[in-house]
Amino acid sequence: MDVAQAEYAGGGPGYARVRLLGRARGAATAPPTLLIADGASWRRIAAVPGTPVVAADAPFGVAFEIPLHLAVGDGAWWLEPGAAVGPDPAVRARVDGLAVRVAALGAEVAALRARVGAERGPGPGPAEREREPAAPAADASPVPRTARLRALRPGLPALLVVAGAFAVGDAVATVVWQEPVSALWSAREQRALDQDLRQLDAAYASPRAADAAGASAATVTSPQQRMRALARTLDTRTTAGHPLGKLRIAAIHARYVIVQGTRASSLRKGPGHYAGTALPGEPGTTGLAGHRTTYGAPFRHIDALKRGDAITVTMPYGRFVYRVEGLRIVKPQDVSALQAVGRQRLVLTACHPLYSAAQRIVAVARLERATPRGAAAPGTTA
């Protein structure tokens, strides 16, 4: 096997992945072994799992995961070919026979060394003998090492230290505050949603929105009925991940744009509206779900809500103020709180406890006041 070069191919904590490139000579062989001088001994390193057979008389590329102190050290590297492989049983038998003979010769050499040592007197102890390096195989090839691999010596350990510090910092921030990377992503999404919500508000401020909902001023005079019609239209026309309104909970300093849907893709943007539940202004229960540790963690402090705390939901057609009635902990599959009741109410759900999805925390709030806005406001006519 002729080795042309060794190149750095990535790595992880405590090791560097190195790919050896070259060309094989002769028969196909099993994956080779890399020998690296480690002080006064050789360290044999097998190829990464899944490495295929090295084809005969063909280019090869074999990767090894090398301990970091060896990857950046100055010890010599050798590549030992694996055992020959082939369909000919006779060839395989000859190889196996040679292996047996080599093992027998090794035993004889060891016995001769013991006799010579006994005649010369006490020699090195077992610990010293273990440090004597074993020579590479006769057909092993020296591995040329590029300057880039040597350059890893000052850079890669520092990079791994920085990566470890970042991981620790991320964990601490998640415990104390929230997961920072997803928080930044969610904040960007919230800014974009806020702009879309302004456009939605402008569209629902036009009398044409009431006409399209079948609630024009000429036919429907009750603001509550117009809000109901506009809510139904908004719910059916808004697809998952798009904005519906804005949620504000002053007691826990939460202010977020609400999106349609509770799939993971929607909840990455902000609190999501449960499909099948009412929108504010419609009879029944309005259900919202949100994260507690990731993607902005809108409901992180939902467990701090107290009876009587205000929750304000601003929709394009109205502003709704709810008062918290209480909290309860339920199993993840318990959705009874989302069922419609004989009054308008708001239900917030999130995972419980923090950093776990073992249970759900549910906050229930009753509607205290509804103020029409936009096309639902009194006096809005075409």
Protein backbone atom coordinates (compact mmCIF):
# COMPACT_ATOMS: atom_id res chain seq x y z
CA MET A 1 0.00 0.00 0.00
CA ASP A 2 1.51 3.35 -1.08
CA VAL A 3 0.34 6.22 1.11
CA ALA A 4 0.19 9.55 -0.69
CA GLN A 5 -1.06 11.81 2.09
CA ALA A 6 -2.82 12.07 5.45
CA GLU A 7 -5.50 14.74 5.84
CA TYR A 8 -7.51 16.01 8.78
CA ALA A 9 -11.19 15.03 8.33
CA GLY A 10 -12.89 16.33 11.46
CA GLY A 11 -13.09 14.94 14.95
CA GLY A 12 -14.64 15.33 18.36
CA PRO A 13 -13.76 15.62 22.05
CA GLY A 14 -10.43 13.90 22.61
CA TYR A 15 -9.82 12.61 19.09
CA ALA A 16 -9.14 13.69 15.51
CA ARG A 17 -10.41 11.86 12.45
CA VAL A 18 -7.66 11.47 9.84
CA ARG A 19 -8.10 10.08 6.32
CA LEU A 20 -5.18 8.33 4.62
CA LEU A 21 -5.18 8.40 0.83
CA GLY A 22 -3.07 6.31 -1.50
CA ARG A 23 -3.02 3.33 -3.86
CA ALA A 24 -2.99 -0.39 -3.11
CA ARG A 25 -0.62 -2.81 -4.80
CA GLY A 26 -1.32 -6.50 -5.31
CA ALA A 27 -4.31 -8.42 -3.95
CA ALA A 28 -7.33 -7.00 -2.17
CA THR A 29 -6.93 -6.78 1.61
CA ALA A 30 -9.04 -6.30 4.68
CA PRO A 31 -9.05 -2.75 6.14
CA PRO A 32 -5.52 -1.78 7.20
CA THR A 33 -4.22 -0.85 10.64
CA LEU A 34 -2.45 2.40 11.56
CA LEU A 35 0.63 2.18 13.79
CA ILE A 36 1.67 5.31 15.70
CA ALA A 37 4.75 5.57 17.87
CA ASP A 38 3.53 6.40 21.38
CA GLY A 39 6.63 7.04 23.41
CA ALA A 40 8.61 3.80 23.48
CA SER A 41 5.77 1.63 22.16
CA TRP A 42 3.47 1.37 19.16
CA ARG A 43 -0.25 2.09 19.31
CA ARG A 44 -2.27 0.07 16.79
CA ILE A 45 -5.48 1.79 15.65
CA ALA A 46 -8.12 0.03 13.57
CA ALA A 47 -9.99 1.75 10.75
CA VAL A 48 -13.38 3.27 11.58
CA PRO A 49 -16.22 0.72 11.62
CA GLY A 50 -17.78 0.09 8.24
CA THR A 51 -14.56 0.56 6.25
CA PRO A 52 -14.79 -1.61 3.12
CA VAL A 53 -12.18 -3.99 1.75
CA VAL A 54 -9.28 -2.26 0.01
CA ALA A 55 -9.51 -3.22 -3.65
CA ALA A 56 -6.51 -4.65 -5.50
CA ASP A 57 -4.39 -2.22 -7.55
CA ALA A 58 -6.80 0.66 -6.89
CA PRO A 59 -6.88 3.99 -5.02
CA PHE A 60 -8.00 3.85 -1.40
CA GLY A 61 -9.12 6.25 1.31
CA VAL A 62 -9.24 4.93 4.88
CA ALA A 63 -10.26 6.93 7.97
CA PHE A 64 -8.97 6.49 11.51
CA GLU A 65 -10.09 8.09 14.78
CA ILE A 66 -6.83 8.96 16.54
CA PRO A 67 -6.44 10.08 20.17
CA LEU A 68 -5.67 13.77 20.14
CA HIS A 69 -2.26 13.52 21.82
CA LEU A 70 -1.15 11.09 19.12
CA ALA A 71 -2.68 13.07 16.25
CA VAL A 72 -0.63 16.14 17.11
CA GLY A 73 2.50 14.34 18.33
CA ASP A 74 5.76 13.79 16.48
CA GLY A 75 5.79 9.96 16.54
CA ALA A 76 6.21 8.06 13.27
CA TRP A 77 3.14 6.65 11.52
CA TRP A 78 3.00 3.38 9.55
CA LEU A 79 0.15 1.76 7.67
CA GLU A 80 -0.07 -2.03 7.88
CA PRO A 81 -2.18 -3.77 5.22
CA GLY A 82 -4.88 -6.11 6.43
CA ALA A 83 -5.03 -9.80 5.60
CA ALA A 84 -5.41 -10.68 1.93
CA VAL A 85 -8.94 -11.53 0.89
CA GLY A 86 -10.06 -13.47 -2.13
CA PRO A 87 -12.35 -16.21 -3.33
CA ASP A 88 -9.55 -18.80 -3.71
CA PRO A 89 -9.65 -21.19 -0.67
CA ALA A 90 -6.18 -22.49 -1.48
CA VAL A 91 -4.68 -19.01 -1.22
CA ARG A 92 -6.51 -18.45 2.04
CA ALA A 93 -5.22 -21.74 3.41
CA ARG A 94 -1.66 -20.78 2.50
CA VAL A 95 -2.07 -17.44 4.26
CA ASP A 96 -3.42 -19.14 7.36
CA GLY A 97 -0.56 -21.63 7.30
CA LEU A 98 1.99 -18.84 7.06
CA ALA A 99 0.33 -17.10 10.00
CA VAL A 100 0.73 -20.27 12.08
CA ARG A 101 4.39 -20.54 11.11
CA VAL A 102 5.01 -16.89 11.97
CA ALA A 103 3.42 -17.42 15.37
CA ALA A 104 5.62 -20.49 15.97
CA LEU A 105 8.75 -18.56 14.97
CA GLY A 106 7.74 -15.80 17.34
CA ALA A 107 7.51 -18.30 20.19
CA GLU A 108 10.95 -19.68 19.32
CA VAL A 109 12.47 -16.18 19.24
CA ALA A 110 10.94 -15.44 22.63
CA ALA A 111 12.43 -18.63 24.05
CA LEU A 112 15.88 -17.77 22.64
CA ARG A 113 15.68 -14.28 24.16
CA ALA A 114 14.84 -15.83 27.53
CA ARG A 115 17.86 -18.16 27.32
CA VAL A 116 20.22 -15.33 26.34
CA GLY A 117 18.86 -13.19 29.15
CA ALA A 118 19.41 -15.98 31.66
CA GLU A 119 23.04 -16.39 30.53
CA ARG A 120 23.74 -12.61 30.63
CA GLY A 121 22.13 -12.06 33.99
CA PRO A 122 19.08 -10.08 35.09
CA GLY A 123 17.56 -8.08 32.25
CA PRO A 124 14.76 -5.59 31.99
CA GLY A 125 11.66 -6.27 34.04
CA PRO A 126 8.18 -6.97 32.59
CA ALA A 127 7.23 -3.30 32.69
CA GLU A 128 10.35 -2.36 30.72
CA ARG A 129 9.80 -5.13 28.20
CA GLU A 130 6.27 -3.84 27.58
CA ARG A 131 7.75 -0.50 26.57
CA GLU A 132 9.88 -2.00 23.85
CA PRO A 133 8.25 -1.06 20.53
CA ALA A 134 7.21 -3.85 18.18
CA ALA A 135 8.48 -3.25 14.66
CA PRO A 136 5.91 -2.65 11.91
CA ALA A 137 5.19 -5.45 9.49
CA ALA A 138 7.61 -5.87 6.64
CA ASP A 139 5.11 -4.58 4.08
CA ALA A 140 4.00 -1.58 6.19
CA SER A 141 4.22 1.83 4.52
CA PRO A 142 5.38 5.08 6.14
CA VAL A 143 2.68 7.74 6.31
CA PRO A 144 3.69 11.25 5.22
CA ARG A 145 2.17 13.87 7.50
CA THR A 146 1.18 17.26 6.18
CA ALA A 147 1.83 20.57 7.88
CA ARG A 148 -1.91 20.91 8.43
CA LEU A 149 -1.94 17.93 10.77
CA ARG A 150 0.93 19.38 12.77
CA ALA A 151 -0.84 22.72 12.85
CA LEU A 152 -3.65 21.07 14.80
CA ARG A 153 -1.38 20.93 17.84
CA PRO A 154 -2.08 24.49 19.09
CA GLY A 155 -5.44 24.99 17.39
CA LEU A 156 -7.53 21.87 17.87
CA PRO A 157 -7.25 21.57 21.67
CA ALA A 158 -8.20 25.22 21.99
CA LEU A 159 -11.13 24.68 19.66
CA LEU A 160 -12.30 21.71 21.73
CA VAL A 161 -11.99 23.76 24.92
CA VAL A 162 -14.07 26.54 23.37
CA ALA A 163 -16.67 24.01 22.19
CA GLY A 164 -16.83 22.48 25.66
CA ALA A 165 -17.18 25.90 27.27
CA PHE A 166 -19.96 26.76 24.81
CA ALA A 167 -21.80 23.53 25.67
CA VAL A 168 -21.51 24.23 29.41
CA GLY A 169 -22.63 27.83 28.91
CA ASP A 170 -25.59 26.68 26.85
CA ALA A 171 -26.63 24.25 29.59
CA VAL A 172 -26.30 26.91 32.31
CA ALA A 173 -28.28 29.44 30.27
CA THR A 174 -31.00 26.86 29.66
CA VAL A 175 -31.36 26.20 33.37
CA VAL A 176 -31.21 29.84 34.46
CA TRP A 177 -33.00 31.47 31.53
CA GLN A 178 -33.88 29.37 28.47
CA GLU A 179 -32.12 27.57 25.62
CA PRO A 180 -30.27 30.51 23.98
CA VAL A 181 -29.78 29.28 20.41
CA SER A 182 -33.46 28.45 19.83
CA ALA A 183 -34.40 31.66 21.69
CA LEU A 184 -32.53 33.76 19.12
CA TRP A 185 -34.19 31.84 16.29
CA SER A 186 -37.64 32.32 17.83
CA ALA A 187 -37.03 36.05 18.42
CA ARG A 188 -36.28 36.49 14.73
CA GLU A 189 -39.45 34.61 13.81
CA GLN A 190 -41.49 36.74 16.23
CA ARG A 191 -40.24 39.95 14.58
CA ALA A 192 -41.30 38.67 11.18
CA LEU A 193 -44.69 37.56 12.56
CA ASP A 194 -45.23 40.97 14.13
CA GLN A 195 -44.87 42.60 10.73
CA ASP A 196 -47.31 40.12 9.19
CA LEU A 197 -49.76 40.78 12.02
CA ARG A 198 -49.76 44.51 11.27
CA GLN A 199 -50.82 43.74 7.71
CA LEU A 200 -53.51 41.39 9.02
CA ASP A 201 -54.83 44.10 11.35
CA ALA A 202 -55.01 46.53 8.45
CA ALA A 203 -56.93 44.03 6.33
CA TYR A 204 -59.46 43.32 9.10
CA ALA A 205 -59.92 47.03 9.79
CA SER A 206 -61.58 47.45 6.39
CA PRO A 207 -65.38 47.13 6.12
CA ARG A 208 -64.76 44.75 3.26
CA ALA A 209 -63.52 42.19 5.81
CA ALA A 210 -66.94 42.21 7.51
CA ASP A 211 -68.68 41.94 4.16
CA ALA A 212 -66.52 38.93 3.23
CA ALA A 213 -67.40 37.30 6.56
CA GLY A 214 -71.12 37.83 5.93
CA ALA A 215 -71.35 40.32 8.79
CA SER A 216 -71.74 43.68 7.08
CA ALA A 217 -73.16 46.57 9.07
CA ALA A 218 -76.30 46.50 6.96
CA THR A 219 -77.21 42.96 8.04
CA VAL A 220 -75.48 42.47 11.42
CA THR A 221 -75.66 45.25 13.99
CA SER A 222 -74.35 43.38 17.05
CA PRO A 223 -70.56 43.80 17.53
CA GLN A 224 -70.46 40.38 19.26
CA GLN A 225 -71.97 38.70 16.21
CA ARG A 226 -69.55 40.51 13.90
CA MET A 227 -66.59 39.42 16.03
CA ARG A 228 -67.86 35.84 15.89
CA ALA A 229 -68.18 35.94 12.11
CA LEU A 230 -64.72 37.49 11.66
CA ALA A 231 -63.19 34.95 14.06
CA ARG A 232 -64.67 32.07 12.08
CA THR A 233 -63.32 33.55 8.82
CA LEU A 234 -59.84 34.12 10.29
CA ASP A 235 -59.70 30.58 11.69
CA THR A 236 -60.63 28.89 8.40
CA ARG A 237 -58.36 31.05 6.23
CA THR A 238 -55.18 30.94 8.35
CA THR A 239 -52.79 28.07 7.71
CA ALA A 240 -50.34 26.53 10.19
CA GLY A 241 -47.50 28.78 11.30
CA HIS A 242 -49.17 32.04 10.28
CA PRO A 243 -50.13 34.78 12.78
CA LEU A 244 -53.56 35.11 14.38
CA GLY A 245 -53.15 37.71 17.13
CA LYS A 246 -51.08 38.79 20.10
CA LEU A 247 -50.91 37.36 23.63
CA ARG A 248 -49.88 39.46 26.65
CA ILE A 249 -49.53 38.18 30.22
CA ALA A 250 -48.22 41.03 32.37
CA ALA A 251 -47.77 38.89 35.51
CA ILE A 252 -45.03 36.79 33.86
CA HIS A 253 -43.77 39.44 31.40
CA ALA A 254 -44.91 37.46 28.35
CA ARG A 255 -45.78 39.16 25.07
CA TYR A 256 -45.91 36.98 21.94
CA VAL A 257 -47.57 36.69 18.55
CA ILE A 258 -49.94 33.69 18.41
CA VAL A 259 -49.72 31.38 15.41
CA GLN A 260 -52.10 28.82 13.98
CA GLY A 261 -51.41 25.17 14.89
CA THR A 262 -49.55 23.25 17.58
CA ARG A 263 -47.17 21.16 15.50
CA ALA A 264 -43.46 21.49 16.26
CA SER A 265 -42.92 23.77 13.25
CA SER A 266 -45.58 26.19 14.53
CA LEU A 267 -44.51 26.16 18.19
CA ARG A 268 -40.95 27.05 17.18
CA LYS A 269 -42.34 30.46 16.21
CA GLY A 270 -44.51 31.16 19.26
CA PRO A 271 -47.61 30.04 21.17
CA GLY A 272 -49.87 27.97 18.93
CA HIS A 273 -53.66 27.75 18.66
CA TYR A 274 -55.11 24.27 19.08
CA ALA A 275 -56.99 23.22 15.95
CA GLY A 276 -60.62 22.48 16.73
CA THR A 277 -60.86 24.96 19.59
CA ALA A 278 -62.54 28.34 19.28
CA LEU A 279 -60.84 31.63 18.56
CA PRO A 280 -61.52 34.50 20.98
CA GLY A 281 -64.95 35.89 20.17
CA GLU A 282 -66.41 32.48 19.33
CA PRO A 283 -68.40 30.49 21.92
CA GLY A 284 -66.43 27.78 23.69
CA THR A 285 -62.82 27.23 24.75
CA THR A 286 -59.77 28.85 23.14
CA GLY A 287 -56.71 26.60 23.56
CA LEU A 288 -53.10 27.77 23.27
CA ALA A 289 -49.91 25.74 23.71
CA GLY A 290 -46.33 26.94 24.21
CA HIS A 291 -42.80 25.82 25.09
CA ARG A 292 -41.19 26.34 28.52
CA THR A 293 -37.45 25.90 27.83
CA THR A 294 -36.88 26.29 24.08
CA TYR A 295 -37.84 28.57 21.19
CA GLY A 296 -38.48 31.67 23.24
CA ALA A 297 -40.05 29.71 26.14
CA PRO A 298 -43.28 31.79 26.09
CA PHE A 299 -44.87 29.75 28.90
CA ARG A 300 -41.73 29.20 31.01
CA HIS A 301 -43.27 30.87 34.08
CA ILE A 302 -46.85 29.73 33.56
CA ASP A 303 -46.66 28.01 36.96
CA ALA A 304 -46.30 31.45 38.59
CA LEU A 305 -49.76 32.60 37.49
CA LYS A 306 -52.20 33.31 40.31
CA ARG A 307 -55.95 33.51 40.48
CA GLY A 308 -57.14 36.87 39.09
CA ASP A 309 -54.05 37.55 36.90
CA ALA A 310 -55.02 39.19 33.62
CA ILE A 311 -54.36 37.64 30.20
CA THR A 312 -54.99 39.85 27.17
CA VAL A 313 -55.45 38.46 23.66
CA THR A 314 -55.59 41.05 20.88
CA MET A 315 -57.11 39.81 17.62
CA PRO A 316 -57.62 41.77 14.39
CA TYR A 317 -61.33 42.03 15.22
CA GLY A 318 -61.28 42.49 19.02
CA ARG A 319 -59.39 42.71 22.30
CA PHE A 320 -60.21 40.08 24.95
CA VAL A 321 -59.29 40.24 28.64
CA TYR A 322 -59.34 37.00 30.66
CA ARG A 323 -58.80 36.38 34.37
CA VAL A 324 -56.97 33.29 35.63
CA GLU A 325 -59.19 30.91 37.57
CA GLY A 326 -56.57 28.33 38.48
CA LEU A 327 -53.83 25.87 37.49
CA ARG A 328 -53.76 22.10 37.42
CA ILE A 329 -51.35 19.33 36.43
CA VAL A 330 -52.62 16.59 34.10
CA LYS A 331 -51.27 13.68 32.11
CA PRO A 332 -50.04 14.43 28.55
CA GLN A 333 -53.00 12.59 27.00
CA ASP A 334 -55.59 14.42 29.10
CA VAL A 335 -57.28 16.99 26.80
CA SER A 336 -60.46 17.46 28.81
CA ALA A 337 -59.54 21.07 29.57
CA LEU A 338 -59.85 21.91 25.87
CA GLN A 339 -63.46 20.81 25.63
CA ALA A 340 -66.11 23.45 24.96
CA VAL A 341 -68.12 24.70 27.91
CA GLY A 342 -71.14 26.97 28.20
CA ARG A 343 -69.02 30.14 28.30
CA GLN A 344 -66.02 31.70 26.60
CA ARG A 345 -62.71 30.87 28.29
CA LEU A 346 -58.98 30.60 27.57
CA VAL A 347 -56.80 27.55 28.30
CA LEU A 348 -52.98 27.66 28.22
CA THR A 349 -51.01 24.38 28.23
CA ALA A 350 -47.30 23.57 28.48
CA CYS A 351 -44.99 20.71 29.46
CA HIS A 352 -44.38 20.13 33.17
CA PRO A 353 -42.09 20.15 35.03
CA LEU A 354 -39.34 22.22 33.41
CA TYR A 355 -37.02 20.20 31.12
CA SER A 356 -39.55 17.34 31.01
CA ALA A 357 -42.64 16.30 29.06
CA ALA A 358 -43.86 13.83 31.69
CA GLN A 359 -46.92 15.94 32.50
CA ARG A 360 -48.87 19.00 31.34
CA ILE A 361 -49.61 22.18 33.26
CA VAL A 362 -52.94 23.81 32.41
CA ALA A 363 -53.97 27.39 33.18
CA VAL A 364 -57.71 28.15 32.85
CA ALA A 365 -58.99 31.73 32.52
CA ARG A 366 -62.53 33.11 32.14
CA LEU A 367 -63.46 35.90 29.73
CA GLU A 368 -63.97 39.18 31.58
CA ARG A 369 -64.26 41.73 28.79
CA ALA A 370 -64.38 41.79 24.96
CA THR A 371 -63.84 45.04 23.03
CA PRO A 372 -64.56 45.00 19.28
CA ARG A 373 -61.93 46.52 16.99
CA GLY A 374 -61.37 46.82 13.28
CA ALA A 375 -64.31 45.84 11.11
CA ALA A 376 -66.22 44.59 14.17
CA ALA A 377 -66.17 47.92 15.97
CA PRO A 378 -69.51 49.79 16.24
CA GLY A 379 -70.07 52.36 13.55
CA THR A 380 -67.90 50.61 10.97
CA THR A 381 -69.85 50.79 7.72
CA ALA A 382 -69.09 50.24 4.11
